[in-house]
Protein backbone atom coordinates (compact mmCIF):
# COMPACT_ATOMS: atom_id res chain seq x y z
CA MET A 1 5.40 -56.26 4.76
CA LYS A 2 4.93 -54.67 8.16
CA PRO A 3 7.30 -54.38 11.13
CA ASP A 4 6.30 -56.05 14.38
CA THR A 5 5.98 -53.14 16.84
CA SER A 6 3.76 -54.94 19.33
CA THR A 7 6.38 -54.79 22.06
CA LEU A 8 7.03 -51.06 21.67
CA ASP A 9 5.52 -48.28 23.72
CA PRO A 10 3.14 -46.62 21.21
CA GLN A 11 4.26 -43.20 22.44
CA ASP A 12 7.92 -44.00 21.83
CA LEU A 13 7.16 -45.14 18.29
CA ASN A 14 5.02 -42.08 17.61
CA LEU A 15 7.68 -39.64 18.79
CA ALA A 16 10.32 -41.34 16.67
CA VAL A 17 8.54 -41.36 13.30
CA ARG A 18 5.81 -38.71 13.16
CA ASN A 19 5.79 -35.70 10.84
CA THR A 20 4.13 -32.82 12.70
CA VAL A 21 4.09 -29.03 12.51
CA GLY A 22 5.33 -28.58 16.07
CA ASP A 23 8.25 -30.95 15.54
CA MET A 24 9.13 -29.06 12.34
CA LEU A 25 9.81 -25.96 14.42
CA THR A 26 11.79 -27.86 17.04
CA ARG A 27 14.02 -29.45 14.41
CA ILE A 28 15.10 -26.11 12.95
CA ALA A 29 15.34 -24.48 16.40
CA GLU A 30 17.89 -27.08 17.47
CA VAL A 31 20.24 -26.21 14.59
CA ALA A 32 19.58 -22.45 14.46
CA GLN A 33 19.08 -21.64 18.13
CA HIS A 34 20.56 -18.15 18.13
CA LYS A 35 19.53 -17.10 14.65
CA ILE A 36 16.79 -14.45 14.51
CA ALA A 37 13.50 -16.09 13.59
CA VAL A 38 11.12 -13.13 13.89
CA VAL A 39 11.49 -9.36 13.77
CA ASP A 40 8.47 -7.52 15.17
CA GLY A 41 9.16 -3.80 15.40
CA GLU A 42 12.04 -3.35 17.81
CA ARG A 43 11.82 -6.93 19.02
CA ARG A 44 14.12 -9.64 17.67
CA ILE A 45 13.27 -13.18 18.68
CA ASP A 46 15.63 -16.09 18.04
CA TYR A 47 14.63 -19.66 17.24
CA ALA A 48 15.37 -20.96 20.72
CA THR A 49 12.95 -18.41 22.21
CA LEU A 50 10.26 -19.06 19.62
CA ASP A 51 10.38 -22.81 20.25
CA ARG A 52 10.51 -22.33 24.03
CA ASP A 53 7.50 -20.01 23.92
CA ALA A 54 5.59 -22.49 21.76
CA GLU A 55 6.43 -25.31 24.20
CA ALA A 56 5.24 -23.16 27.13
CA ILE A 57 1.97 -22.31 25.41
CA ALA A 58 1.40 -25.98 24.59
CA ARG A 59 1.71 -26.92 28.26
CA GLY A 60 -0.25 -23.86 29.34
CA VAL A 61 -3.18 -24.71 27.07
CA ILE A 62 -3.21 -28.31 28.27
CA GLY A 63 -3.23 -27.05 31.87
CA LEU A 64 -6.11 -24.59 31.47
CA PRO A 65 -9.18 -25.19 33.62
CA GLY A 66 -11.64 -26.90 31.31
CA ALA A 67 -8.89 -27.22 28.69
CA PRO A 68 -9.91 -28.15 25.15
CA ALA A 69 -9.41 -31.83 24.46
CA GLN A 70 -6.74 -33.00 22.06
CA GLY A 71 -8.10 -32.68 18.53
CA HIS A 72 -10.48 -29.86 19.46
CA PRO A 73 -10.23 -26.36 17.95
CA VAL A 74 -8.85 -23.22 19.57
CA ALA A 75 -9.71 -19.99 17.74
CA VAL A 76 -7.00 -17.38 17.25
CA ILE A 77 -7.97 -13.73 16.74
CA MET A 78 -4.68 -11.90 16.42
CA PRO A 79 -3.09 -9.37 14.08
CA ASN A 80 0.38 -9.81 12.62
CA CYS A 81 2.54 -9.93 15.73
CA TYR A 82 5.19 -12.22 17.15
CA GLU A 83 2.77 -13.85 19.60
CA PHE A 84 0.67 -15.27 16.76
CA LEU A 85 3.51 -17.67 15.90
CA PRO A 86 4.20 -19.30 19.30
CA VAL A 87 0.42 -19.54 19.74
CA TYR A 88 0.07 -21.37 16.41
CA PHE A 89 3.03 -23.69 16.98
CA GLY A 90 2.12 -24.17 20.64
CA LEU A 91 -1.38 -25.34 19.77
CA ALA A 92 0.13 -27.67 17.18
CA LYS A 93 2.53 -29.08 19.77
CA ALA A 94 -0.42 -29.61 22.13
CA GLY A 95 -2.31 -31.60 19.52
CA ARG A 96 -5.08 -29.00 19.34
CA VAL A 97 -6.53 -27.66 16.09
CA VAL A 98 -5.67 -24.05 15.23
CA LEU A 99 -8.62 -22.00 13.97
CA PRO A 100 -7.33 -18.62 12.69
CA ILE A 101 -10.15 -16.10 12.41
CA ASN A 102 -10.40 -13.42 9.73
CA TYR A 103 -11.28 -10.51 12.01
CA GLY A 104 -12.38 -8.40 9.03
CA GLN A 105 -15.61 -10.37 8.92
CA THR A 106 -18.81 -9.23 10.59
CA ALA A 107 -19.61 -10.14 14.20
CA VAL A 108 -22.42 -12.42 13.03
CA GLU A 109 -20.08 -14.29 10.69
CA ILE A 110 -17.43 -14.76 13.35
CA ALA A 111 -20.06 -15.97 15.82
CA TRP A 112 -21.33 -18.43 13.21
CA ILE A 113 -17.83 -19.79 12.55
CA LEU A 114 -17.12 -20.24 16.27
CA GLY A 115 -20.41 -22.07 16.66
CA ASP A 116 -20.00 -24.21 13.56
CA ALA A 117 -16.46 -25.20 14.58
CA GLU A 118 -17.69 -25.88 18.14
CA ALA A 119 -14.81 -23.74 19.40
CA LYS A 120 -15.14 -22.86 23.08
CA HIS A 121 -11.65 -21.45 23.56
CA VAL A 122 -10.23 -18.31 21.96
CA ILE A 123 -6.81 -16.67 22.09
CA VAL A 124 -7.23 -12.97 21.29
CA HIS A 125 -5.03 -9.89 21.03
CA GLU A 126 -6.20 -7.08 23.30
CA SER A 127 -6.65 -4.73 20.33
CA LEU A 128 -9.22 -7.12 18.84
CA LEU A 129 -11.33 -7.55 21.97
CA PRO A 130 -14.10 -5.40 20.38
CA VAL A 131 -14.28 -7.98 17.57
CA LEU A 132 -14.62 -10.81 20.06
CA ARG A 133 -17.18 -8.94 22.16
CA GLY A 134 -19.17 -8.31 19.00
CA ALA A 135 -19.17 -12.04 18.24
CA LEU A 136 -20.32 -12.81 21.79
CA ALA A 137 -23.13 -10.29 21.44
CA ALA A 138 -24.05 -12.00 18.16
CA GLY A 139 -24.48 -15.35 19.91
CA ALA A 140 -21.04 -16.94 20.24
CA GLU A 141 -20.74 -19.16 23.30
CA LEU A 142 -17.28 -19.52 24.85
CA ASP A 143 -15.75 -21.11 27.93
CA THR A 144 -12.32 -19.49 28.06
CA VAL A 145 -10.64 -16.49 26.45
CA VAL A 146 -6.87 -16.11 26.62
CA VAL A 147 -5.92 -12.46 26.15
CA HIS A 148 -2.60 -11.14 24.94
CA ARG A 149 -2.55 -7.94 26.97
CA VAL A 150 -0.49 -5.01 25.75
CA SER A 151 -1.89 -2.16 27.87
CA GLY A 152 -1.36 -3.76 31.26
CA GLU A 153 -5.02 -3.36 32.19
CA ALA A 154 -6.97 -6.36 33.45
CA VAL A 155 -9.57 -7.78 31.05
CA THR A 156 -12.90 -9.24 32.07
CA ILE A 157 -15.64 -10.65 29.87
CA ASP A 158 -19.02 -11.37 31.43
CA GLY A 159 -19.74 -15.06 31.69
CA VAL A 160 -16.40 -16.15 30.24
CA ARG A 161 -13.23 -17.25 32.02
CA THR A 162 -10.31 -14.98 31.05
CA VAL A 163 -6.63 -15.88 31.23
CA ASP A 164 -3.58 -13.77 30.47
CA LEU A 165 -1.42 -15.12 27.65
CA ALA A 166 1.60 -14.14 29.74
CA GLU A 167 0.58 -16.84 32.22
CA LEU A 168 0.78 -19.47 29.49
CA LEU A 169 4.13 -18.14 28.29
CA ALA A 170 5.45 -18.42 31.85
CA THR A 171 4.54 -22.11 32.10
CA GLU A 172 7.50 -24.09 33.39
CA ILE A 173 9.15 -26.52 30.96
CA THR A 174 10.75 -29.36 32.86
CA GLU A 175 10.74 -32.29 30.45
CA GLU A 176 9.71 -33.34 26.97
CA LEU A 177 6.01 -33.04 26.21
CA ARG A 178 5.04 -36.61 25.40
CA LEU A 179 1.79 -36.71 23.46
CA ILE A 180 0.77 -39.10 20.72
CA ILE A 181 0.11 -36.85 17.74
CA HIS A 182 -0.27 -38.64 14.44
CA SER A 183 0.96 -37.17 11.19
CA ASP A 184 -2.57 -37.48 9.80
CA ASP A 185 -4.20 -35.70 12.74
CA VAL A 186 -5.77 -32.36 11.87
CA VAL A 187 -3.67 -29.34 12.86
CA GLN A 188 -5.53 -26.39 11.33
CA CYS A 189 -9.03 -25.41 10.34
CA LEU A 190 -9.47 -22.59 7.82
CA TYR A 191 -12.90 -21.38 6.74
CA THR A 192 -13.24 -20.69 3.05
CA SER A 193 -15.41 -17.94 1.60
CA GLY A 194 -18.33 -19.90 0.19
CA THR A 195 -21.07 -18.91 -2.21
CA THR A 196 -23.68 -19.11 0.52
CA ALA A 197 -23.96 -17.74 4.05
CA ALA A 198 -22.41 -20.96 5.35
CA PRO A 199 -18.69 -21.15 4.40
CA LYS A 200 -16.93 -24.49 4.58
CA SER A 201 -14.17 -25.37 6.97
CA ALA A 202 -11.18 -27.00 5.27
CA LEU A 203 -9.22 -29.25 7.62
CA ALA A 204 -5.49 -29.77 7.09
CA THR A 205 -3.37 -32.51 8.66
CA HIS A 206 0.11 -32.11 10.07
CA ASN A 207 1.51 -34.10 7.16
CA ALA A 208 -0.32 -31.95 4.62
CA VAL A 209 0.93 -28.71 6.13
CA VAL A 210 4.54 -29.89 6.44
CA THR A 211 4.50 -31.24 2.87
CA GLY A 212 3.01 -28.01 1.54
CA VAL A 213 5.58 -25.97 3.45
CA MET A 214 8.49 -28.01 2.13
CA SER A 215 7.01 -27.92 -1.38
CA ASN A 216 7.19 -24.13 -1.35
CA ALA A 217 10.79 -24.26 -0.15
CA LEU A 218 11.68 -26.71 -2.94
CA THR A 219 10.10 -24.62 -5.67
CA VAL A 220 12.50 -21.74 -5.15
CA GLY A 221 15.26 -24.16 -4.24
CA ASP A 222 18.58 -22.55 -5.07
CA SER A 223 17.59 -19.30 -3.39
CA TRP A 224 16.80 -21.12 -0.16
CA VAL A 225 19.98 -23.17 -0.35
CA ARG A 226 22.41 -20.28 -0.88
CA ARG A 227 21.23 -18.68 2.34
CA PRO A 228 17.97 -18.82 4.28
CA PRO A 229 15.71 -15.96 3.21
CA THR A 230 14.65 -12.91 5.14
CA ALA A 231 11.01 -12.37 4.23
CA LEU A 232 8.89 -9.36 5.04
CA VAL A 233 5.31 -10.47 5.73
CA VAL A 234 2.53 -7.93 5.42
CA LEU A 235 -0.29 -10.27 4.34
CA PRO A 236 -2.41 -11.28 7.38
CA LEU A 237 -1.24 -14.40 9.20
CA PHE A 238 -4.82 -15.66 9.47
CA HIS A 239 -4.72 -16.11 5.69
CA VAL A 240 -3.41 -19.32 4.14
CA THR A 241 -0.93 -17.49 1.89
CA ALA A 242 0.93 -15.63 4.63
CA LEU A 243 0.72 -18.53 7.07
CA ASN A 244 1.43 -21.62 4.99
CA ALA A 245 2.97 -20.36 1.76
CA VAL A 246 5.37 -17.74 3.17
CA THR A 247 5.94 -17.68 6.94
CA LYS A 248 6.23 -21.37 7.70
CA PRO A 249 8.41 -22.20 4.68
CA VAL A 250 10.85 -19.46 5.71
CA LEU A 251 10.91 -20.66 9.31
CA ALA A 252 11.27 -24.28 8.22
CA VAL A 253 14.65 -23.52 6.62
CA GLY A 254 16.01 -21.17 9.29
CA GLY A 255 15.09 -17.87 7.69
CA THR A 256 13.87 -14.66 9.27
CA ILE A 257 10.33 -13.24 9.21
CA VAL A 258 9.93 -9.47 9.41
CA LEU A 259 6.33 -8.83 10.49
CA HIS A 260 4.26 -5.82 9.50
CA ASN A 261 0.73 -5.33 10.74
CA GLY A 262 -0.94 -3.41 7.93
CA PHE A 263 0.42 -2.28 4.59
CA ASN A 264 2.35 0.98 4.53
CA PRO A 265 4.47 1.24 1.35
CA PRO A 266 7.18 3.62 2.71
CA ALA A 267 7.56 1.54 5.87
CA VAL A 268 7.74 -1.68 3.85
CA LEU A 269 10.46 -0.36 1.54
CA ASP A 270 12.41 1.15 4.43
CA ASP A 271 12.40 -2.15 6.33
CA MET A 272 13.41 -4.04 3.21
CA VAL A 273 16.61 -1.99 3.25
CA SER A 274 17.27 -1.89 6.99
CA GLU A 275 16.49 -5.57 7.63
CA GLY A 276 18.22 -6.93 4.53
CA VAL A 277 15.02 -8.47 3.18
CA THR A 278 15.55 -10.96 0.36
CA MET A 279 11.97 -12.10 -0.25
CA PHE A 280 8.57 -10.44 -0.42
CA THR A 281 5.12 -11.69 -1.37
CA GLY A 282 2.37 -9.20 -2.12
CA LEU A 283 -0.86 -8.66 -3.96
CA PRO A 284 -0.75 -6.83 -7.28
CA MET A 285 -2.24 -3.74 -5.64
CA MET A 286 0.58 -3.77 -3.08
CA TRP A 287 3.24 -4.04 -5.74
CA ALA A 288 1.73 -1.09 -7.63
CA ALA A 289 1.71 1.03 -4.48
CA MET A 290 5.31 0.09 -3.69
CA ILE A 291 6.42 1.02 -7.20
CA ALA A 292 4.75 4.41 -6.82
CA GLU A 293 6.58 4.96 -3.52
CA TYR A 294 9.86 3.79 -5.03
CA THR A 295 9.40 6.23 -7.92
CA ARG A 296 8.91 9.02 -5.37
CA GLN A 297 11.89 7.96 -3.27
CA PRO A 298 14.18 5.22 -4.66
CA ARG A 299 15.86 2.73 -2.30
CA ASP A 300 18.54 0.13 -2.89
CA LEU A 301 16.51 -3.09 -3.14
CA SER A 302 19.14 -5.11 -4.97
CA ALA A 303 19.18 -7.67 -2.11
CA ILE A 304 15.69 -8.89 -3.01
CA ASN A 305 16.03 -12.17 -4.92
CA ILE A 306 12.45 -13.47 -4.73
CA ALA A 307 9.50 -11.21 -5.60
CA MET A 308 6.30 -13.23 -5.43
CA TYR A 309 2.73 -12.29 -6.17
CA ALA A 310 -0.47 -14.21 -5.76
CA MET A 311 -4.25 -14.20 -6.06
CA ALA A 312 -4.34 -12.28 -9.36
CA GLN A 313 -2.42 -11.79 -12.59
CA MET A 314 0.07 -8.95 -12.66
CA PRO A 315 -0.22 -6.22 -15.31
CA GLU A 316 2.86 -6.00 -17.51
CA ARG A 317 3.49 -2.40 -16.51
CA VAL A 318 3.66 -3.45 -12.84
CA LEU A 319 6.06 -6.30 -13.68
CA ALA A 320 8.20 -3.78 -15.56
CA GLY A 321 8.16 -1.53 -12.50
CA MET A 322 9.21 -4.48 -10.33
CA ASP A 323 12.17 -5.07 -12.67
CA VAL A 324 13.34 -1.51 -12.12
CA MET A 325 12.70 -1.54 -8.37
CA MET A 326 14.17 -5.02 -7.70
CA PRO A 327 16.58 -5.74 -10.55
CA ASN A 328 17.98 -8.96 -9.07
CA ALA A 329 14.68 -10.55 -8.07
CA LEU A 330 13.05 -13.57 -9.63
CA LYS A 331 9.43 -12.55 -10.30
CA LEU A 332 7.26 -15.52 -9.37
CA LEU A 333 3.49 -16.04 -9.54
CA GLY A 334 2.04 -18.65 -7.19
CA SER A 335 -1.57 -19.83 -7.25
CA GLY A 336 -3.64 -22.19 -5.16
CA GLN A 337 -6.50 -22.46 -2.72
CA THR A 338 -7.07 -22.98 0.97
CA GLU A 339 -8.08 -26.63 0.51
CA VAL A 340 -4.75 -27.55 -1.11
CA ILE A 341 -2.00 -25.95 0.99
CA PRO A 342 -0.83 -23.37 -1.54
CA ALA A 343 0.89 -22.95 -3.80
CA THR A 344 -0.33 -25.62 -6.20
CA THR A 345 1.06 -23.99 -9.34
CA PHE A 346 3.97 -21.67 -10.05
CA GLN A 347 4.65 -19.66 -13.15
CA ARG A 348 8.17 -20.40 -14.33
CA PRO A 349 10.43 -17.47 -15.16
CA ASP A 350 10.57 -18.46 -18.83
CA HIS A 351 6.78 -18.13 -19.02
CA ARG A 352 6.63 -14.63 -17.65
CA HIS A 353 6.56 -12.94 -21.04
CA THR A 354 5.14 -15.77 -23.14
CA LYS A 355 2.41 -17.02 -20.77
CA ASN A 356 1.92 -14.26 -18.21
CA ALA A 357 -1.87 -14.79 -18.15
CA SER A 358 -1.43 -18.40 -17.05
CA TRP A 359 -1.22 -19.94 -13.59
CA GLY A 360 1.95 -21.79 -14.52
CA MET A 361 2.86 -25.43 -13.89
CA SER A 362 2.13 -27.73 -10.97
CA ALA A 363 4.27 -27.71 -7.85
CA SER A 364 6.38 -30.85 -7.58
CA THR A 365 4.13 -32.34 -4.88
CA VAL A 366 0.80 -31.86 -6.67
CA ARG A 367 -0.78 -33.40 -9.74
CA THR A 368 -3.06 -30.97 -11.54
CA ARG A 369 -5.44 -32.05 -14.28
CA ILE A 370 -8.58 -30.90 -16.09
CA MET A 371 -11.74 -33.00 -15.68
CA ASP A 372 -15.13 -33.08 -17.36
CA PRO A 373 -18.38 -33.56 -15.36
CA GLU A 374 -18.26 -37.33 -15.96
CA GLY A 375 -14.84 -37.70 -14.37
CA ASN A 376 -12.81 -37.98 -17.56
CA ILE A 377 -9.37 -36.33 -17.65
CA LEU A 378 -9.43 -33.94 -20.58
CA PRO A 379 -6.65 -33.55 -23.15
CA PRO A 380 -4.66 -30.34 -23.55
CA GLY A 381 -6.66 -27.39 -24.77
CA GLU A 382 -10.06 -28.56 -23.51
CA THR A 383 -11.75 -26.58 -20.73
CA GLY A 384 -13.08 -28.30 -17.62
CA GLU A 385 -12.74 -28.26 -13.86
CA ILE A 386 -9.26 -27.96 -12.35
CA VAL A 387 -8.67 -30.97 -10.06
CA TYR A 388 -5.78 -31.95 -7.78
CA ARG A 389 -4.09 -34.95 -6.22
CA GLY A 390 -1.33 -34.78 -3.65
CA PRO A 391 -0.33 -35.08 0.00
CA HIS A 392 -1.28 -31.49 0.86
CA VAL A 393 -4.89 -31.76 -0.27
CA THR A 394 -7.37 -31.07 2.55
CA ALA A 395 -8.46 -33.96 4.74
CA GLY A 396 -12.02 -32.82 4.05
CA TYR A 397 -14.60 -30.30 5.18
CA TRP A 398 -15.82 -30.19 8.79
CA LYS A 399 -19.43 -31.38 9.15
CA ARG A 400 -20.05 -31.26 5.37
CA PRO A 401 -20.45 -34.87 4.15
CA GLU A 402 -22.25 -33.82 0.98
CA ALA A 403 -19.50 -31.32 0.14
CA ASN A 404 -16.86 -34.00 0.77
CA GLU A 405 -18.66 -36.41 -1.54
CA GLU A 406 -18.57 -33.85 -4.33
CA ALA A 407 -15.05 -32.63 -3.59
CA PHE A 408 -13.37 -36.06 -3.78
CA LYS A 409 -15.42 -37.58 -6.59
CA HIS A 410 -13.50 -39.74 -9.08
CA GLY A 411 -10.44 -39.80 -6.82
CA TRP A 412 -9.42 -36.17 -7.32
CA PHE A 413 -10.02 -33.03 -5.31
CA HIS A 414 -12.37 -30.73 -7.20
CA SER A 415 -11.36 -27.07 -6.99
CA GLY A 416 -14.55 -25.53 -8.37
CA ASP A 417 -12.34 -23.54 -10.77
CA LEU A 418 -12.50 -23.88 -14.52
CA GLY A 419 -9.54 -23.87 -16.85
CA TYR A 420 -7.47 -25.82 -19.35
CA MET A 421 -3.96 -27.22 -19.65
CA ASP A 422 -1.79 -26.54 -22.67
CA GLU A 423 0.62 -28.94 -24.36
CA GLU A 424 3.44 -27.86 -22.05
CA GLY A 425 1.46 -28.64 -18.90
CA VAL A 426 0.77 -24.99 -18.09
CA ILE A 427 -2.58 -24.34 -16.36
CA TRP A 428 -4.79 -21.55 -17.70
CA PHE A 429 -7.58 -20.42 -15.39
CA THR A 430 -10.70 -19.28 -17.24
CA ASP A 431 -13.51 -18.83 -14.72
CA ARG A 432 -14.75 -19.57 -11.23
CA SER A 433 -17.57 -22.00 -11.36
CA LYS A 434 -19.04 -20.57 -8.17
CA ASP A 435 -18.45 -16.93 -9.08
CA ILE A 436 -16.09 -16.29 -6.21
CA ILE A 437 -14.51 -12.84 -6.49
CA LYS A 438 -10.88 -12.41 -5.42
CA SER A 439 -10.58 -8.85 -4.21
CA GLY A 440 -7.55 -7.61 -2.32
CA GLY A 441 -6.43 -11.17 -1.65
CA GLU A 442 -9.74 -12.21 -0.06
CA ASN A 443 -12.37 -14.50 -1.52
CA VAL A 444 -15.75 -12.77 -1.73
CA SER A 445 -19.00 -14.63 -2.32
CA SER A 446 -20.98 -12.87 -5.04
CA MET A 447 -24.19 -14.54 -3.88
CA LYS A 448 -23.73 -13.29 -0.34
CA VAL A 449 -23.20 -9.70 -1.51
CA GLU A 450 -26.20 -10.05 -3.83
CA ARG A 451 -28.43 -11.05 -0.95
CA ILE A 452 -27.38 -8.04 1.09
CA MET A 453 -27.56 -5.51 -1.71
CA ALA A 454 -30.92 -6.79 -2.96
CA ASP A 455 -32.36 -5.58 0.36
CA ALA A 456 -30.86 -2.12 0.04
CA PRO A 457 -33.26 0.83 -0.40
CA GLY A 458 -33.61 1.79 -4.05
CA VAL A 459 -32.54 -1.58 -5.49
CA VAL A 460 -35.12 -3.56 -7.45
CA GLU A 461 -32.82 -6.36 -8.58
CA CYS A 462 -29.09 -6.88 -8.76
CA CYS A 463 -26.27 -9.23 -9.48
CA VAL A 464 -22.66 -9.10 -8.34
CA VAL A 465 -19.61 -9.87 -10.46
CA GLY A 466 -15.90 -9.34 -10.23
CA THR A 467 -14.40 -6.89 -12.68
CA PRO A 468 -10.69 -6.20 -13.32
CA HIS A 469 -9.23 -3.56 -11.04
CA GLU A 470 -5.64 -2.26 -10.97
CA TYR A 471 -5.54 -1.98 -7.17
CA TRP A 472 -7.83 -4.74 -5.87
CA GLY A 473 -7.16 -7.33 -8.57
CA GLU A 474 -10.90 -7.72 -8.90
CA ALA A 475 -13.48 -5.16 -7.82
CA VAL A 476 -16.70 -6.34 -6.19
CA THR A 477 -19.14 -4.83 -8.67
CA VAL A 478 -22.89 -4.43 -8.18
CA VAL A 479 -24.98 -4.28 -11.34
CA ALA A 480 -28.44 -3.14 -10.32
CA ILE A 481 -31.85 -2.08 -11.49
CA ALA A 482 -32.77 0.91 -9.33
CA ASP A 483 -36.20 2.48 -8.89
CA SER A 484 -34.91 5.67 -7.28
CA LEU A 485 -33.04 7.13 -10.23
CA PRO A 486 -34.70 9.83 -12.35
CA ASP A 487 -34.75 9.84 -16.14
CA ALA A 488 -31.54 11.53 -17.29
CA ALA A 489 -33.29 13.01 -20.32
CA GLU A 490 -35.84 14.72 -18.10
CA VAL A 491 -33.63 16.11 -15.32
CA GLY A 492 -30.38 16.70 -17.17
CA GLU A 493 -26.94 15.11 -16.88
CA ALA A 494 -25.81 17.03 -13.79
CA ALA A 495 -28.92 16.20 -11.75
CA PHE A 496 -28.81 12.59 -12.89
CA ARG A 497 -25.15 12.23 -11.90
CA PHE A 498 -25.92 13.73 -8.47
CA ALA A 499 -28.72 11.18 -8.01
CA VAL A 500 -26.40 8.34 -8.98
CA GLU A 501 -23.69 9.49 -6.56
CA THR A 502 -26.22 9.85 -3.75
CA LEU A 503 -27.56 6.35 -4.40
CA GLU A 504 -24.05 4.90 -4.45
CA GLU A 505 -23.25 6.55 -1.11
CA ASN A 506 -26.42 5.06 0.40
CA LEU A 507 -25.63 1.61 -1.00
CA ILE A 508 -22.09 1.72 0.39
CA ALA A 509 -23.45 2.71 3.80
CA HIS A 510 -25.90 -0.21 3.64
CA ALA A 511 -23.11 -2.61 2.64
CA LYS A 512 -20.84 -1.48 5.50
CA GLN A 513 -23.62 -2.29 7.97
CA HIS A 514 -24.01 -5.87 6.79
CA LEU A 515 -20.75 -6.98 5.15
CA GLY A 516 -17.13 -7.37 6.08
CA LYS A 517 -14.78 -4.61 4.97
CA PHE A 518 -13.30 -6.65 2.14
CA GLU A 519 -16.80 -7.50 0.81
CA VAL A 520 -18.07 -3.93 0.42
CA PRO A 521 -18.63 -3.19 -3.30
CA LYS A 522 -16.06 -1.02 -5.04
CA ARG A 523 -18.08 -0.31 -8.18
CA PHE A 524 -21.74 0.22 -9.11
CA GLU A 525 -23.41 0.08 -12.50
CA PHE A 526 -27.10 0.77 -13.07
CA VAL A 527 -29.01 -0.85 -15.92
CA SER A 528 -32.61 -1.06 -17.09
CA GLU A 529 -32.61 -4.87 -17.24
CA LEU A 530 -30.38 -7.85 -16.53
CA PRO A 531 -29.75 -10.52 -19.19
CA LYS A 532 -31.28 -13.84 -18.13
CA THR A 533 -31.70 -17.40 -19.28
CA THR A 534 -35.09 -18.80 -20.16
CA THR A 535 -35.34 -20.14 -16.60
CA GLY A 536 -34.81 -16.67 -15.12
CA LYS A 537 -31.18 -17.00 -14.05
CA VAL A 538 -28.97 -13.97 -14.59
CA ARG A 539 -26.28 -14.62 -17.21
CA LYS A 540 -23.24 -13.15 -15.49
CA ASN A 541 -20.98 -13.62 -18.49
CA LEU A 542 -23.25 -11.31 -20.45
CA VAL A 543 -23.44 -8.88 -17.52
CA ARG A 544 -19.65 -8.54 -17.59
CA GLU A 545 -19.75 -7.91 -21.33
CA LEU A 546 -22.56 -5.40 -20.86
CA ILE A 547 -20.70 -3.21 -18.37
CA ASP A 548 -17.18 -3.56 -19.80
CA GLY A 549 -17.88 -4.10 -23.47
């Protein structure tokens, strides 16, 4: 059955029934107008202002000379600050695609992403203009740059039209912005860290993002229902976790976001007290640092009722420290990936002590299964690829038809991760099929680091693996055969150690020239040979055993 809508104005019908990210903000702003939505330093911005600013930016972007067409990307290079949020929601309201940029990447990588996405418009914070200028020098081609100025000084960029973000925010709002934006239109474009020099761009629709956001709110349901949370956000907003798994779910239910740009444990704990924070999500290394600060100077953190962690398993001693620091908080592990608006799995409280090494069970809006290479769903206990079905799976990769063919084979989205499901439905992650390293909350391509380090002076051959690390979750570890090290037996232990330290310093300097900050190796091991298969491929499982066994 289908309704006969042939006599309706298509725009009227669209406005009445669509499910979009911009409308999600407007809905909550209408019922929580004067409630504080965002705290950014001394600034306190209510929902009415946030929605008004987003509406102004939407109209301002549409009115730009040479404005990007609806459905085209606009890159955002901004730190954690209030303006990031009206920019994001404003672009969504304008029907443009938001392309958040990880500004910790190299200039060449950012230039490549801008070119691959065909993004000609960028909104940038003044403090990150050197990053943008570096990308332009590396070959990025842009039409318009909108600058959020904080110093008051005029900004010019040779060959590129520049506009002040304040001009967009001052755009007059006289009537409803009437655009046809479909729920299945793409709203955001996030580049994943691939295993080659060409990362893939995962596209997410409005419907996928809204469903993922509401899924996260449902998962910690009674805490959201009792009172909307106040969440301190220190993870970068360009990252899918901070953006889609924390910030938007809090805003969708009328909560408050306390923004921090950079992680400073004393400042985080102080603001938790002064702002009445009830929810915090951090990496294991952040939690450990906060516990150390709390041990030095205790605070009353009894108001925290949700303590989430992601990207890596939490050591028991850190969980124990969290219990002492936040005695009333539910400790919750969430896992997922950019392509399936996270979180896809949550570890239930009753599994914390019995199944702490697991990923937990599927979110209510996602089916998670284990599949063999032939497309058969495997029974409990058998290891295969982790696959997903659900409304917040990516719409596909931009300009990657071959990758899309592989990703959606057999009617499931293929994660590239390996694991198994137990009899209770709990997912246990065992390995990354593409050897992605998760270090400090960022995905690092081992192959990319290998290529760079193989060219470093003194390295004959190398491989890169992730090894457990208390602070980073996983440490990017280079295992190398080096031709510049003397024989320890001939020169003595002290001279040999000096040579090793000198080589490591040189390798780190080389890495910093060619890699993003989060990709620079944290650990080096030097060996006489690397274990290989009969076809000459390095056996990384044996490498890990070799250096940690």
